[in-house]
Amino acid sequence: DSTFRQHVRDWVRGHYPEQLRNPRKRLGTDSSHEWYQLLSRQGWLAP
């Protein structure tokens, strides 16, 4: 679990779009598309 947590933390910090951090409202499909596709390509959409 410790190794997995660090792996997830490092990947998210390196790939999550900075402009989408802590959004004020739930994002729509257009705004969240980039993050959705990043997770899809990584194989992380459906843990």
All heavy atoms as atom14 arrays in JSON, in Angstrom:
{
  "sequence": "DSTFRQHVRDWVRGHYPEQLRNPRKRLGTDSSHEWYQLLSRQGWLAP",
  "atom14_mask": [
    [1, 1, 1, 1, 1, 1, 1, 1, 0, 0, 0, 0, 0, 0],
    [1, 1, 1, 1, 1, 1, 0, 0, 0, 0, 0, 0, 0, 0],
    [1, 1, 1, 1, 1, 1, 1, 0, 0, 0, 0, 0, 0, 0],
    [1, 1, 1, 1, 1, 1, 1, 1, 1, 1, 1, 0, 0, 0],
    [1, 1, 1, 1, 1, 1, 1, 1, 1, 1, 1, 0, 0, 0],
    [1, 1, 1, 1, 1, 1, 1, 1, 1, 0, 0, 0, 0, 0],
    [1, 1, 1, 1, 1, 1, 1, 1, 1, 1, 0, 0, 0, 0],
    [1, 1, 1, 1, 1, 1, 1, 0, 0, 0, 0, 0, 0, 0],
    [1, 1, 1, 1, 1, 1, 1, 1, 1, 1, 1, 0, 0, 0],
    [1, 1, 1, 1, 1, 1, 1, 1, 0, 0, 0, 0, 0, 0],
    [1, 1, 1, 1, 1, 1, 1, 1, 1, 1, 1, 1, 1, 1],
    [1, 1, 1, 1, 1, 1, 1, 0, 0, 0, 0, 0, 0, 0],
    [1, 1, 1, 1, 1, 1, 1, 1, 1, 1, 1, 0, 0, 0],
    [1, 1, 1, 1, 0, 0, 0, 0, 0, 0, 0, 0, 0, 0],
    [1, 1, 1, 1, 1, 1, 1, 1, 1, 1, 0, 0, 0, 0],
    [1, 1, 1, 1, 1, 1, 1, 1, 1, 1, 1, 1, 0, 0],
    [1, 1, 1, 1, 1, 1, 1, 0, 0, 0, 0, 0, 0, 0],
    [1, 1, 1, 1, 1, 1, 1, 1, 1, 0, 0, 0, 0, 0],
    [1, 1, 1, 1, 1, 1, 1, 1, 1, 0, 0, 0, 0, 0],
    [1, 1, 1, 1, 1, 1, 1, 1, 0, 0, 0, 0, 0, 0],
    [1, 1, 1, 1, 1, 1, 1, 1, 1, 1, 1, 0, 0, 0],
    [1, 1, 1, 1, 1, 1, 1, 1, 0, 0, 0, 0, 0, 0],
    [1, 1, 1, 1, 1, 1, 1, 0, 0, 0, 0, 0, 0, 0],
    [1, 1, 1, 1, 1, 1, 1, 1, 1, 1, 1, 0, 0, 0],
    [1, 1, 1, 1, 1, 1, 1, 1, 1, 0, 0, 0, 0, 0],
    [1, 1, 1, 1, 1, 1, 1, 1, 1, 1, 1, 0, 0, 0],
    [1, 1, 1, 1, 1, 1, 1, 1, 0, 0, 0, 0, 0, 0],
    [1, 1, 1, 1, 0, 0, 0, 0, 0, 0, 0, 0, 0, 0],
    [1, 1, 1, 1, 1, 1, 1, 0, 0, 0, 0, 0, 0, 0],
    [1, 1, 1, 1, 1, 1, 1, 1, 0, 0, 0, 0, 0, 0],
    [1, 1, 1, 1, 1, 1, 0, 0, 0, 0, 0, 0, 0, 0],
    [1, 1, 1, 1, 1, 1, 0, 0, 0, 0, 0, 0, 0, 0],
    [1, 1, 1, 1, 1, 1, 1, 1, 1, 1, 0, 0, 0, 0],
    [1, 1, 1, 1, 1, 1, 1, 1, 1, 0, 0, 0, 0, 0],
    [1, 1, 1, 1, 1, 1, 1, 1, 1, 1, 1, 1, 1, 1],
    [1, 1, 1, 1, 1, 1, 1, 1, 1, 1, 1, 1, 0, 0],
    [1, 1, 1, 1, 1, 1, 1, 1, 1, 0, 0, 0, 0, 0],
    [1, 1, 1, 1, 1, 1, 1, 1, 0, 0, 0, 0, 0, 0],
    [1, 1, 1, 1, 1, 1, 1, 1, 0, 0, 0, 0, 0, 0],
    [1, 1, 1, 1, 1, 1, 0, 0, 0, 0, 0, 0, 0, 0],
    [1, 1, 1, 1, 1, 1, 1, 1, 1, 1, 1, 0, 0, 0],
    [1, 1, 1, 1, 1, 1, 1, 1, 1, 0, 0, 0, 0, 0],
    [1, 1, 1, 1, 0, 0, 0, 0, 0, 0, 0, 0, 0, 0],
    [1, 1, 1, 1, 1, 1, 1, 1, 1, 1, 1, 1, 1, 1],
    [1, 1, 1, 1, 1, 1, 1, 1, 0, 0, 0, 0, 0, 0],
    [1, 1, 1, 1, 1, 0, 0, 0, 0, 0, 0, 0, 0, 0],
    [1, 1, 1, 1, 1, 1, 1, 0, 0, 0, 0, 0, 0, 0]
  ],
  "atom14_positions": [
    [[0.82, -1.21, 0.0], [0.0, 0.0, 0.0], [0.85, 1.27, 0.0], [0.51, 2.25, -0.66], [-0.94, 0.01, 1.21], [-2.1, -0.94, 1.05], [-2.22, -1.53, -0.05], [-2.89, -1.1, 2.0], [0.0, 0.0, 0.0], [0.0, 0.0, 0.0], [0.0, 0.0, 0.0], [0.0, 0.0, 0.0], [0.0, 0.0, 0.0], [0.0, 0.0, 0.0]],
    [[1.96, 1.28, 0.72], [2.8, 2.46, 0.79], [3.42, 2.79, -0.57], [3.42, 3.95, -1.01], [3.9, 2.26, 1.84], [4.75, 3.39, 1.89], [0.0, 0.0, 0.0], [0.0, 0.0, 0.0], [0.0, 0.0, 0.0], [0.0, 0.0, 0.0], [0.0, 0.0, 0.0], [0.0, 0.0, 0.0], [0.0, 0.0, 0.0], [0.0, 0.0, 0.0]],
    [[3.93, 1.77, -1.25], [4.51, 1.97, -2.58], [3.45, 2.42, -3.57], [3.69, 3.33, -4.39], [5.17, 0.67, -3.07], [6.17, 0.26, -2.14], [5.79, 0.87, -4.45], [0.0, 0.0, 0.0], [0.0, 0.0, 0.0], [0.0, 0.0, 0.0], [0.0, 0.0, 0.0], [0.0, 0.0, 0.0], [0.0, 0.0, 0.0], [0.0, 0.0, 0.0]],
    [[2.28, 1.8, -3.49], [1.2, 2.16, -4.39], [0.78, 3.61, -4.17], [0.56, 4.37, -5.12], [0.01, 1.22, -4.19], [-1.19, 1.56, -5.04], [-1.14, 1.37, -6.42], [-2.34, 2.06, -4.47], [-2.24, 1.68, -7.21], [-3.44, 2.37, -5.25], [-3.39, 2.18, -6.62], [0.0, 0.0, 0.0], [0.0, 0.0, 0.0], [0.0, 0.0, 0.0]],
    [[0.64, 4.02, -2.91], [0.24, 5.4, -2.6], [1.24, 6.4, -3.19], [0.84, 7.41, -3.79], [0.11, 5.59, -1.09], [-0.37, 6.98, -0.68], [-0.45, 7.13, 0.82], [-1.48, 6.28, 1.4], [-2.77, 6.63, 1.47], [-3.17, 7.8, 0.97], [-3.63, 5.81, 2.05], [0.0, 0.0, 0.0], [0.0, 0.0, 0.0], [0.0, 0.0, 0.0]],
    [[2.52, 6.13, -3.02], [3.53, 7.04, -3.55], [3.49, 7.08, -5.07], [3.66, 8.15, -5.69], [4.92, 6.63, -3.07], [6.0, 7.66, -3.39], [5.76, 8.98, -2.69], [5.53, 9.04, -1.49], [5.78, 10.07, -3.46], [0.0, 0.0, 0.0], [0.0, 0.0, 0.0], [0.0, 0.0, 0.0], [0.0, 0.0, 0.0], [0.0, 0.0, 0.0]],
    [[3.26, 5.93, -5.7], [3.18, 5.87, -7.16], [2.01, 6.71, -7.66], [2.15, 7.48, -8.62], [3.03, 4.41, -7.6], [2.96, 4.24, -9.09], [4.07, 4.34, -9.91], [1.9, 3.99, -9.91], [3.7, 4.15, -11.16], [2.39, 3.93, -11.19], [0.0, 0.0, 0.0], [0.0, 0.0, 0.0], [0.0, 0.0, 0.0], [0.0, 0.0, 0.0]],
    [[0.84, 6.57, -7.02], [-0.32, 7.36, -7.42], [-0.06, 8.84, -7.21], [-0.34, 9.67, -8.09], [-1.57, 6.92, -6.61], [-2.74, 7.87, -6.86], [-1.96, 5.49, -6.96], [0.0, 0.0, 0.0], [0.0, 0.0, 0.0], [0.0, 0.0, 0.0], [0.0, 0.0, 0.0], [0.0, 0.0, 0.0], [0.0, 0.0, 0.0], [0.0, 0.0, 0.0]],
    [[0.52, 9.18, -6.06], [0.79, 10.59, -5.74], [1.7, 11.22, -6.78], [1.46, 12.32, -7.28], [1.4, 10.69, -4.35], [1.69, 12.11, -3.89], [2.25, 12.08, -2.48], [1.31, 11.45, -1.54], [1.62, 11.08, -0.31], [2.87, 11.26, 0.14], [0.71, 10.53, 0.48], [0.0, 0.0, 0.0], [0.0, 0.0, 0.0], [0.0, 0.0, 0.0]],
    [[2.78, 10.51, -7.14], [3.74, 11.06, -8.1], [3.1, 11.22, -9.47], [3.33, 12.23, -10.16], [4.96, 10.14, -8.2], [5.8, 10.15, -6.93], [5.64, 11.06, -6.11], [6.61, 9.2, -6.76], [0.0, 0.0, 0.0], [0.0, 0.0, 0.0], [0.0, 0.0, 0.0], [0.0, 0.0, 0.0], [0.0, 0.0, 0.0], [0.0, 0.0, 0.0]],
    [[2.32, 10.22, -9.89], [1.71, 10.31, -11.22], [0.69, 11.44, -11.3], [0.67, 12.2, -12.27], [1.05, 8.97, -11.59], [0.61, 8.95, -13.03], [1.35, 8.57, -14.11], [-0.67, 9.36, -13.54], [0.61, 8.7, -15.26], [-0.63, 9.19, -14.94], [-1.84, 9.85, -12.95], [-1.71, 9.5, -15.77], [-2.92, 10.17, -13.77], [-2.85, 9.99, -15.16]],
    [[-0.12, 11.57, -10.28], [-1.14, 12.63, -10.28], [-0.48, 13.99, -10.29], [-0.88, 14.89, -11.05], [-2.08, 12.47, -9.07], [-2.97, 13.7, -8.92], [-2.94, 11.23, -9.22], [0.0, 0.0, 0.0], [0.0, 0.0, 0.0], [0.0, 0.0, 0.0], [0.0, 0.0, 0.0], [0.0, 0.0, 0.0], [0.0, 0.0, 0.0], [0.0, 0.0, 0.0]],
    [[0.54, 14.19, -9.48], [1.23, 15.48, -9.45], [1.88, 15.8, -10.79], [1.97, 16.97, -11.18], [2.29, 15.47, -8.35], [1.73, 15.52, -6.93], [2.83, 15.45, -5.89], [2.3, 15.59, -4.54], [3.03, 15.5, -3.44], [4.34, 15.28, -3.54], [2.48, 15.63, -2.25], [0.0, 0.0, 0.0], [0.0, 0.0, 0.0], [0.0, 0.0, 0.0]],
    [[2.32, 14.79, -11.49], [2.99, 15.02, -12.76], [2.07, 15.17, -13.95], [2.5, 15.65, -15.0], [0.0, 0.0, 0.0], [0.0, 0.0, 0.0], [0.0, 0.0, 0.0], [0.0, 0.0, 0.0], [0.0, 0.0, 0.0], [0.0, 0.0, 0.0], [0.0, 0.0, 0.0], [0.0, 0.0, 0.0], [0.0, 0.0, 0.0], [0.0, 0.0, 0.0]],
    [[0.81, 14.76, -13.81], [-0.07, 14.73, -14.98], [-1.36, 15.53, -14.83], [-1.98, 15.88, -15.84], [-0.44, 13.28, -15.31], [0.72, 12.46, -15.82], [1.62, 11.85, -14.97], [1.11, 12.16, -17.08], [2.52, 11.2, -15.7], [2.24, 11.38, -16.97], [0.0, 0.0, 0.0], [0.0, 0.0, 0.0], [0.0, 0.0, 0.0], [0.0, 0.0, 0.0]],
    [[-1.79, 15.81, -13.61], [-3.08, 16.49, -13.47], [-2.99, 17.93, -13.96], [-2.06, 18.66, -13.56], [-3.56, 16.46, -12.01], [-4.96, 17.0, -11.86], [-6.05, 16.24, -12.27], [-5.18, 18.27, -11.34], [-7.33, 16.74, -12.17], [-6.47, 18.77, -11.23], [-7.54, 18.0, -11.65], [-8.82, 18.5, -11.56], [0.0, 0.0, 0.0], [0.0, 0.0, 0.0]],
    [[-3.94, 18.39, -14.78], [-3.91, 19.77, -15.28], [-4.02, 20.78, -14.13], [-4.99, 20.76, -13.37], [-5.14, 19.84, -16.2], [-5.41, 18.42, -16.59], [-5.04, 17.61, -15.38], [0.0, 0.0, 0.0], [0.0, 0.0, 0.0], [0.0, 0.0, 0.0], [0.0, 0.0, 0.0], [0.0, 0.0, 0.0], [0.0, 0.0, 0.0], [0.0, 0.0, 0.0]],
    [[-3.02, 21.63, -14.01], [-2.95, 22.55, -12.89], [-4.17, 23.47, -12.82], [-4.65, 23.81, -11.74], [-1.67, 23.4, -12.99], [-1.42, 24.32, -11.81], [-1.18, 23.59, -10.5], [-0.73, 22.42, -10.55], [-1.43, 24.17, -9.43], [0.0, 0.0, 0.0], [0.0, 0.0, 0.0], [0.0, 0.0, 0.0], [0.0, 0.0, 0.0], [0.0, 0.0, 0.0]],
    [[-4.68, 23.87, -13.99], [-5.8, 24.81, -14.01], [-7.11, 24.2, -13.52], [-8.09, 24.92, -13.28], [-6.01, 25.38, -15.43], [-6.57, 24.38, -16.44], [-5.5, 23.52, -17.1], [-4.36, 23.47, -16.62], [-5.85, 22.87, -18.19], [0.0, 0.0, 0.0], [0.0, 0.0, 0.0], [0.0, 0.0, 0.0], [0.0, 0.0, 0.0], [0.0, 0.0, 0.0]],
    [[-7.13, 22.88, -13.31], [-8.35, 22.22, -12.86], [-8.32, 21.86, -11.38], [-9.25, 21.24, -10.88], [-8.58, 20.93, -13.67], [-8.78, 21.09, -15.18], [-9.07, 19.73, -15.82], [-9.9, 22.06, -15.48], [0.0, 0.0, 0.0], [0.0, 0.0, 0.0], [0.0, 0.0, 0.0], [0.0, 0.0, 0.0], [0.0, 0.0, 0.0], [0.0, 0.0, 0.0]],
    [[-7.28, 22.27, -10.67], [-7.19, 21.91, -9.25], [-8.25, 22.67, -8.44], [-8.47, 23.86, -8.63], [-5.8, 22.22, -8.69], [-4.72, 21.28, -9.17], [-3.4, 21.53, -8.45], [-3.47, 21.14, -7.04], [-2.46, 21.26, -6.19], [-1.31, 21.79, -6.61], [-2.59, 20.87, -4.93], [0.0, 0.0, 0.0], [0.0, 0.0, 0.0], [0.0, 0.0, 0.0]],
    [[-8.89, 21.92, -7.52], [-9.88, 22.49, -6.61], [-10.91, 23.37, -7.32], [-11.08, 24.55, -7.0], [-9.19, 23.3, -5.5], [-8.27, 22.46, -4.65], [-8.67, 21.43, -4.13], [-7.02, 22.89, -4.5], [0.0, 0.0, 0.0], [0.0, 0.0, 0.0], [0.0, 0.0, 0.0], [0.0, 0.0, 0.0], [0.0, 0.0, 0.0], [0.0, 0.0, 0.0]],
    [[-11.62, 22.83, -8.31], [-12.6, 23.65, -9.02], [-13.75, 24.06, -8.11], [-14.11, 23.34, -7.17], [-13.09, 22.71, -10.13], [-12.89, 21.34, -9.59], [-11.64, 21.43, -8.76], [0.0, 0.0, 0.0], [0.0, 0.0, 0.0], [0.0, 0.0, 0.0], [0.0, 0.0, 0.0], [0.0, 0.0, 0.0], [0.0, 0.0, 0.0], [0.0, 0.0, 0.0]],
    [[-14.34, 25.21, -8.37], [-15.43, 25.71, -7.55], [-16.7, 24.9, -7.74], [-17.52, 24.79, -6.83], [-15.72, 27.17, -7.9], [-14.63, 28.14, -7.47], [-14.98, 29.54, -7.91], [-16.31, 29.92, -7.42], [-17.07, 30.85, -7.98], [-16.67, 31.45, -9.07], [-18.25, 31.14, -7.47], [0.0, 0.0, 0.0], [0.0, 0.0, 0.0], [0.0, 0.0, 0.0]],
    [[-16.89, 24.34, -8.94], [-18.09, 23.58, -9.23], [-17.69, 22.26, -9.89], [-16.57, 22.1, -10.37], [-19.01, 24.36, -10.18], [-19.48, 25.7, -9.66], [-20.32, 26.42, -10.69], [-20.77, 27.79, -10.19], [-21.56, 28.52, -11.2], [0.0, 0.0, 0.0], [0.0, 0.0, 0.0], [0.0, 0.0, 0.0], [0.0, 0.0, 0.0], [0.0, 0.0, 0.0]],
    [[-18.62, 21.33, -9.89], [-18.38, 20.08, -10.61], [-18.21, 20.38, -12.09], [-19.02, 21.11, -12.68], [-19.55, 19.12, -10.39], [-19.34, 17.77, -11.05], [-20.39, 16.79, -10.59], [-20.22, 15.5, -11.22], [-20.9, 14.41, -10.88], [-21.79, 14.47, -9.91], [-20.69, 13.26, -11.49], [0.0, 0.0, 0.0], [0.0, 0.0, 0.0], [0.0, 0.0, 0.0]],
    [[-17.16, 19.85, -12.69], [-16.87, 20.14, -14.08], [-17.81, 19.41, -15.02], [-18.23, 18.29, -14.76], [-15.42, 19.75, -14.4], [-14.32, 20.43, -13.6], [-12.96, 19.97, -14.11], [-14.43, 21.94, -13.65], [0.0, 0.0, 0.0], [0.0, 0.0, 0.0], [0.0, 0.0, 0.0], [0.0, 0.0, 0.0], [0.0, 0.0, 0.0], [0.0, 0.0, 0.0]],
    [[-18.12, 20.07, -16.14], [-18.9, 19.44, -17.18], [-18.02, 18.54, -18.04], [-16.8, 18.43, -17.84], [0.0, 0.0, 0.0], [0.0, 0.0, 0.0], [0.0, 0.0, 0.0], [0.0, 0.0, 0.0], [0.0, 0.0, 0.0], [0.0, 0.0, 0.0], [0.0, 0.0, 0.0], [0.0, 0.0, 0.0], [0.0, 0.0, 0.0], [0.0, 0.0, 0.0]],
    [[-18.63, 17.92, -19.03], [-17.9, 16.96, -19.86], [-16.79, 17.63, -20.66], [-15.71, 17.06, -20.85], [-18.86, 16.23, -20.81], [-19.62, 17.2, -21.55], [-19.82, 15.35, -20.03], [0.0, 0.0, 0.0], [0.0, 0.0, 0.0], [0.0, 0.0, 0.0], [0.0, 0.0, 0.0], [0.0, 0.0, 0.0], [0.0, 0.0, 0.0], [0.0, 0.0, 0.0]],
    [[-17.02, 18.85, -21.15], [-15.99, 19.54, -21.94], [-14.79, 19.89, -21.07], [-13.64, 19.66, -21.45], [-16.57, 20.8, -22.58], [-17.56, 20.49, -23.69], [-17.54, 19.35, -24.2], [-18.35, 21.38, -24.04], [0.0, 0.0, 0.0], [0.0, 0.0, 0.0], [0.0, 0.0, 0.0], [0.0, 0.0, 0.0], [0.0, 0.0, 0.0], [0.0, 0.0, 0.0]],
    [[-15.05, 20.45, -19.88], [-13.96, 20.89, -19.0], [-13.15, 19.73, -18.47], [-11.94, 19.84, -18.25], [-14.53, 21.71, -17.84], [-15.25, 22.83, -18.3], [0.0, 0.0, 0.0], [0.0, 0.0, 0.0], [0.0, 0.0, 0.0], [0.0, 0.0, 0.0], [0.0, 0.0, 0.0], [0.0, 0.0, 0.0], [0.0, 0.0, 0.0], [0.0, 0.0, 0.0]],
    [[-13.8, 18.59, -18.24], [-13.11, 17.44, -17.65], [-12.56, 16.46, -18.67], [-11.95, 15.46, -18.31], [-14.07, 16.68, -16.72], [-15.18, 16.17, -17.45], [0.0, 0.0, 0.0], [0.0, 0.0, 0.0], [0.0, 0.0, 0.0], [0.0, 0.0, 0.0], [0.0, 0.0, 0.0], [0.0, 0.0, 0.0], [0.0, 0.0, 0.0], [0.0, 0.0, 0.0]],
    [[-12.76, 16.76, -19.97], [-12.39, 15.8, -21.03], [-10.91, 15.44, -20.98], [-10.54, 14.27, -21.11], [-12.75, 16.38, -22.39], [-12.39, 15.48, -23.54], [-13.12, 14.35, -23.87], [-11.35, 15.51, -24.42], [-12.57, 13.75, -24.9], [-11.5, 14.42, -25.25], [0.0, 0.0, 0.0], [0.0, 0.0, 0.0], [0.0, 0.0, 0.0], [0.0, 0.0, 0.0]],
    [[-10.05, 16.46, -20.8], [-8.61, 16.19, -20.8], [-8.22, 15.23, -19.69], [-7.45, 14.27, -19.91], [-7.85, 17.51, -20.64], [-6.33, 17.34, -20.62], [-5.6, 18.65, -20.38], [-6.28, 19.71, -20.26], [-4.36, 18.63, -20.3], [0.0, 0.0, 0.0], [0.0, 0.0, 0.0], [0.0, 0.0, 0.0], [0.0, 0.0, 0.0], [0.0, 0.0, 0.0]],
    [[-8.74, 15.45, -18.48], [-8.41, 14.59, -17.34], [-8.99, 13.19, -17.54], [-8.34, 12.19, -17.23], [-8.92, 15.23, -16.07], [-8.69, 14.47, -14.79], [-9.62, 14.22, -13.82], [-7.47, 13.9, -14.3], [-9.06, 13.53, -12.77], [-7.73, 13.32, -13.05], [-6.17, 13.83, -14.82], [-6.75, 12.67, -12.29], [-5.2, 13.17, -14.07], [-5.49, 12.6, -12.83]],
    [[-10.19, 13.11, -18.08], [-10.84, 11.82, -18.36], [-9.96, 11.0, -19.31], [-9.71, 9.81, -19.08], [-12.21, 12.06, -18.97], [-13.16, 10.88, -18.93], [-14.22, 10.86, -18.04], [-13.03, 9.81, -19.8], [-15.12, 9.8, -18.0], [-13.91, 8.73, -19.76], [-14.95, 8.74, -18.86], [-15.83, 7.67, -18.82], [0.0, 0.0, 0.0], [0.0, 0.0, 0.0]],
    [[-9.49, 11.64, -20.37], [-8.69, 10.92, -21.36], [-7.31, 10.56, -20.83], [-6.76, 9.5, -21.18], [-8.58, 11.76, -22.64], [-9.9, 11.94, -23.37], [-10.55, 10.63, -23.74], [-9.89, 9.68, -24.18], [-11.86, 10.54, -23.53], [0.0, 0.0, 0.0], [0.0, 0.0, 0.0], [0.0, 0.0, 0.0], [0.0, 0.0, 0.0], [0.0, 0.0, 0.0]],
    [[-6.73, 11.4, -19.97], [-5.44, 11.04, -19.36], [-5.58, 9.77, -18.53], [-4.74, 8.86, -18.62], [-4.97, 12.2, -18.48], [-4.25, 13.37, -19.16], [-4.06, 14.53, -18.17], [-2.9, 12.92, -19.71], [0.0, 0.0, 0.0], [0.0, 0.0, 0.0], [0.0, 0.0, 0.0], [0.0, 0.0, 0.0], [0.0, 0.0, 0.0], [0.0, 0.0, 0.0]],
    [[-6.63, 9.72, -17.72], [-6.85, 8.53, -16.9], [-7.18, 7.31, -17.76], [-6.77, 6.2, -17.45], [-7.99, 8.79, -15.91], [-7.67, 9.76, -14.76], [-8.94, 10.08, -13.97], [-6.61, 9.16, -13.83], [0.0, 0.0, 0.0], [0.0, 0.0, 0.0], [0.0, 0.0, 0.0], [0.0, 0.0, 0.0], [0.0, 0.0, 0.0], [0.0, 0.0, 0.0]],
    [[-7.91, 7.55, -18.84], [-8.26, 6.44, -19.73], [-7.01, 5.83, -20.35], [-6.84, 4.61, -20.38], [-9.22, 6.93, -20.82], [-9.57, 5.88, -21.69], [0.0, 0.0, 0.0], [0.0, 0.0, 0.0], [0.0, 0.0, 0.0], [0.0, 0.0, 0.0], [0.0, 0.0, 0.0], [0.0, 0.0, 0.0], [0.0, 0.0, 0.0], [0.0, 0.0, 0.0]],
    [[-6.12, 6.68, -20.84], [-4.89, 6.18, -21.45], [-4.0, 5.48, -20.43], [-3.29, 4.53, -20.76], [-4.13, 7.33, -22.13], [-4.82, 7.87, -23.38], [-3.9, 8.78, -24.15], [-3.62, 10.02, -23.43], [-4.35, 11.12, -23.53], [-5.43, 11.15, -24.3], [-4.0, 12.21, -22.86], [0.0, 0.0, 0.0], [0.0, 0.0, 0.0], [0.0, 0.0, 0.0]],
    [[-4.02, 5.94, -19.2], [-3.23, 5.32, -18.14], [-3.85, 4.02, -17.65], [-3.19, 3.22, -16.99], [-3.09, 6.32, -16.97], [-2.32, 5.83, -15.77], [-0.82, 5.67, -16.04], [-0.34, 5.97, -17.13], [-0.08, 5.21, -15.05], [0.0, 0.0, 0.0], [0.0, 0.0, 0.0], [0.0, 0.0, 0.0], [0.0, 0.0, 0.0], [0.0, 0.0, 0.0]],
    [[-5.14, 3.81, -17.98], [-5.84, 2.62, -17.49], [-6.34, 2.77, -16.07], [-6.58, 1.77, -15.39], [0.0, 0.0, 0.0], [0.0, 0.0, 0.0], [0.0, 0.0, 0.0], [0.0, 0.0, 0.0], [0.0, 0.0, 0.0], [0.0, 0.0, 0.0], [0.0, 0.0, 0.0], [0.0, 0.0, 0.0], [0.0, 0.0, 0.0], [0.0, 0.0, 0.0]],
    [[-6.53, 4.02, -15.62], [-6.89, 4.29, -14.23], [-8.33, 4.76, -14.05], [-8.69, 5.2, -12.96], [-5.95, 5.36, -13.66], [-4.59, 4.83, -13.3], [-4.02, 3.67, -13.69], [-3.64, 5.51, -12.47], [-2.75, 3.55, -13.16], [-2.49, 4.66, -12.4], [-3.61, 6.71, -11.79], [-1.35, 5.0, -11.68], [-2.48, 7.05, -11.06], [-1.36, 6.21, -11.01]],
    [[-9.13, 4.7, -15.08], [-10.5, 5.2, -14.95], [-11.37, 4.34, -14.06], [-12.27, 4.84, -13.38], [-11.16, 5.29, -16.34], [-11.05, 6.6, -17.09], [-11.69, 6.47, -18.46], [-11.69, 7.75, -16.31], [0.0, 0.0, 0.0], [0.0, 0.0, 0.0], [0.0, 0.0, 0.0], [0.0, 0.0, 0.0], [0.0, 0.0, 0.0], [0.0, 0.0, 0.0]],
    [[-11.13, 3.05, -14.07], [-12.02, 2.12, -13.37], [-11.21, 1.24, -12.41], [-10.96, 0.06, -12.7], [-12.78, 1.26, -14.38], [0.0, 0.0, 0.0], [0.0, 0.0, 0.0], [0.0, 0.0, 0.0], [0.0, 0.0, 0.0], [0.0, 0.0, 0.0], [0.0, 0.0, 0.0], [0.0, 0.0, 0.0], [0.0, 0.0, 0.0], [0.0, 0.0, 0.0]],
    [[-10.8, 1.78, -11.27], [-9.93, 1.02, -10.35], [-10.52, -0.3, -9.89], [-9.78, -1.27, -9.69], [-9.74, 1.99, -9.17], [-10.0, 3.34, -9.72], [-11.05, 3.14, -10.77], [0.0, 0.0, 0.0], [0.0, 0.0, 0.0], [0.0, 0.0, 0.0], [0.0, 0.0, 0.0], [0.0, 0.0, 0.0], [0.0, 0.0, 0.0], [0.0, 0.0, 0.0]]
  ]
}
